[in-house]
C-alpha atoms as a PDB file:
ATOM      1  CA  MET A   1     178.308 118.380 207.634  1.00  0.00           C
ATOM      2  CA  ARG A   2     176.382 120.035 210.407  1.00  0.00           C
ATOM      3  CA  VAL A   3     172.583 120.026 210.248  1.00  0.00           C
ATOM      4  CA  LEU A   4     170.605 122.576 212.267  1.00  0.00           C
ATOM      5  CA  TYR A   5     166.956 121.964 213.140  1.00  0.00           C
ATOM      6  CA  PHE A   6     164.508 124.779 213.831  1.00  0.00           C
ATOM      7  CA  GLY A   7     160.985 124.963 215.240  1.00  0.00           C
ATOM      8  CA  VAL A   8     159.025 121.734 215.331  1.00  0.00           C
ATOM      9  CA  LEU A   9     161.861 119.902 213.563  1.00  0.00           C
ATOM     10  CA  LYS A  10     164.051 120.321 216.639  1.00  0.00           C
ATOM     11  CA  ASP A  11     161.324 118.672 218.729  1.00  0.00           C
ATOM     12  CA  MET A  12     160.844 115.853 216.213  1.00  0.00           C
ATOM     13  CA  VAL A  13     164.493 114.822 216.053  1.00  0.00           C
ATOM     14  CA  GLY A  14     165.130 115.543 219.735  1.00  0.00           C
ATOM     15  CA  HIS A  15     168.115 117.854 219.369  1.00  0.00           C
ATOM     16  CA  PRO A  16     168.960 121.253 217.857  1.00  0.00           C
ATOM     17  CA  SER A  17     171.777 120.008 215.603  1.00  0.00           C
ATOM     18  CA  ALA A  18     173.580 116.915 214.360  1.00  0.00           C
ATOM     19  CA  GLU A  19     176.736 115.975 212.492  1.00  0.00           C
ATOM     20  CA  MET A  20     176.020 113.830 209.414  1.00  0.00           C
ATOM     21  CA  ASP A  21     178.139 112.109 206.813  1.00  0.00           C
ATOM     22  CA  LEU A  22     176.490 111.722 203.420  1.00  0.00           C
ATOM     23  CA  PRO A  23     177.847 110.019 200.300  1.00  0.00           C
ATOM     24  CA  SER A  24     179.651 112.207 197.790  1.00  0.00           C
ATOM     25  CA  GLY A  25     177.223 113.831 195.362  1.00  0.00           C
ATOM     26  CA  SER A  26     174.371 114.029 197.864  1.00  0.00           C
ATOM     27  CA  SER A  27     171.963 116.916 197.509  1.00  0.00           C
ATOM     28  CA  VAL A  28     169.701 118.884 199.799  1.00  0.00           C
ATOM     29  CA  GLY A  29     166.902 116.641 198.526  1.00  0.00           C
ATOM     30  CA  THR A  30     168.857 113.553 199.586  1.00  0.00           C
ATOM     31  CA  LEU A  31     169.254 114.972 203.088  1.00  0.00           C
ATOM     32  CA  ILE A  32     165.522 115.672 203.300  1.00  0.00           C
ATOM     33  CA  GLU A  33     164.679 112.164 202.029  1.00  0.00           C
ATOM     34  CA  ILE A  34     166.888 110.643 204.743  1.00  0.00           C
ATOM     35  CA  HIS A  35     165.071 112.611 207.419  1.00  0.00           C
ATOM     36  CA  GLU A  36     161.703 111.759 205.897  1.00  0.00           C
ATOM     37  CA  GLY A  37     162.576 108.052 206.066  1.00  0.00           C
ATOM     38  CA  GLN A  38     163.698 108.305 209.691  1.00  0.00           C
ATOM     39  CA  THR A  39     160.482 110.006 210.812  1.00  0.00           C
ATOM     40  CA  ALA A  40     157.943 108.433 208.434  1.00  0.00           C
ATOM     41  CA  ALA A  41     155.684 107.306 211.283  1.00  0.00           C
ATOM     42  CA  MET A  42     155.223 110.942 212.343  1.00  0.00           C
ATOM     43  CA  GLY A  43     153.714 111.934 208.999  1.00  0.00           C
ATOM     44  CA  PHE A  44     155.565 115.275 208.828  1.00  0.00           C
ATOM     45  CA  PRO A  45     155.502 116.991 205.387  1.00  0.00           C
ATOM     46  CA  TRP A  46     159.282 117.113 204.879  1.00  0.00           C
ATOM     47  CA  ARG A  47     158.892 118.215 201.265  1.00  0.00           C
ATOM     48  CA  SER A  48     157.408 121.513 202.400  1.00  0.00           C
ATOM     49  CA  ILE A  49     160.372 122.664 204.501  1.00  0.00           C
ATOM     50  CA  ALA A  50     162.912 125.269 203.472  1.00  0.00           C
ATOM     51  CA  ALA A  51     166.629 124.599 203.589  1.00  0.00           C
ATOM     52  CA  ALA A  52     169.613 126.906 203.767  1.00  0.00           C
ATOM     53  CA  VAL A  53     173.183 125.843 203.030  1.00  0.00           C
ATOM     54  CA  ASN A  54     175.845 128.025 204.585  1.00  0.00           C
ATOM     55  CA  ARG A  55     173.204 130.666 205.371  1.00  0.00           C
ATOM     56  CA  GLU A  56     171.897 130.862 201.787  1.00  0.00           C
ATOM     57  CA  TYR A  57     168.510 129.449 200.819  1.00  0.00           C
ATOM     58  CA  ALA A  58     168.966 126.267 198.830  1.00  0.00           C
ATOM     59  CA  GLN A  59     166.944 124.079 196.476  1.00  0.00           C
ATOM     60  CA  ALA A  60     166.518 120.294 196.559  1.00  0.00           C
ATOM     61  CA  GLY A  61     168.991 119.771 193.706  1.00  0.00           C
ATOM     62  CA  ASP A  62     171.832 121.769 195.266  1.00  0.00           C
ATOM     63  CA  LEU A  63     174.811 119.549 196.046  1.00  0.00           C
ATOM     64  CA  LEU A  64     176.235 119.315 199.552  1.00  0.00           C
ATOM     65  CA  HIS A  65     179.925 119.266 200.452  1.00  0.00           C
ATOM     66  CA  ASP A  66     182.025 118.368 203.472  1.00  0.00           C
ATOM     67  CA  GLY A  67     181.965 121.195 205.978  1.00  0.00           C
ATOM     68  CA  ASP A  68     178.601 122.595 204.869  1.00  0.00           C
ATOM     69  CA  GLU A  69     176.127 123.831 207.460  1.00  0.00           C
ATOM     70  CA  VAL A  70     172.544 123.007 206.530  1.00  0.00           C
ATOM     71  CA  ALA A  71     169.590 124.621 208.313  1.00  0.00           C
ATOM     72  CA  LEU A  72     166.231 122.871 208.010  1.00  0.00           C
ATOM     73  CA  LEU A  73     163.313 125.254 208.502  1.00  0.00           C
ATOM     74  CA  PRO A  74     159.697 124.099 208.921  1.00  0.00           C
ATOM     75  CA  PRO A  75     156.864 125.866 207.119  1.00  0.00           C
ATOM     76  CA  VAL A  76     155.540 128.932 208.889  1.00  0.00           C
ATOM     77  CA  SER A  77     151.824 129.472 209.296  1.00  0.00           C
ATOM     78  CA  GLY A  78     149.333 131.278 211.440  1.00  0.00           C
ATOM     79  CA  GLY A  79     149.068 134.866 212.514  1.00  0.00           C
ATOM     80  CA  TRP A  80     146.344 137.440 212.641  1.00  0.00           C
ATOM     81  CA  LEU A  81     145.208 139.761 209.915  1.00  0.00           C
END
């Protein structure tokens, strides 16, 4: 599967996208847990990101399949009122 990183996530992992192989039955939550483990020292709140699978917003329990494209989107904040 192809994983796309946006915003600060792209800076954290050092590239805009990656190809990943996950075990059969893996979910969006599994993918996030893997990333959380790889960047634990950075203290990023991975559980607060949004994910989209094949351009549709997804939930942690949604299963992933070969050929999926997963976009990981950091939380958005800031702005002026």
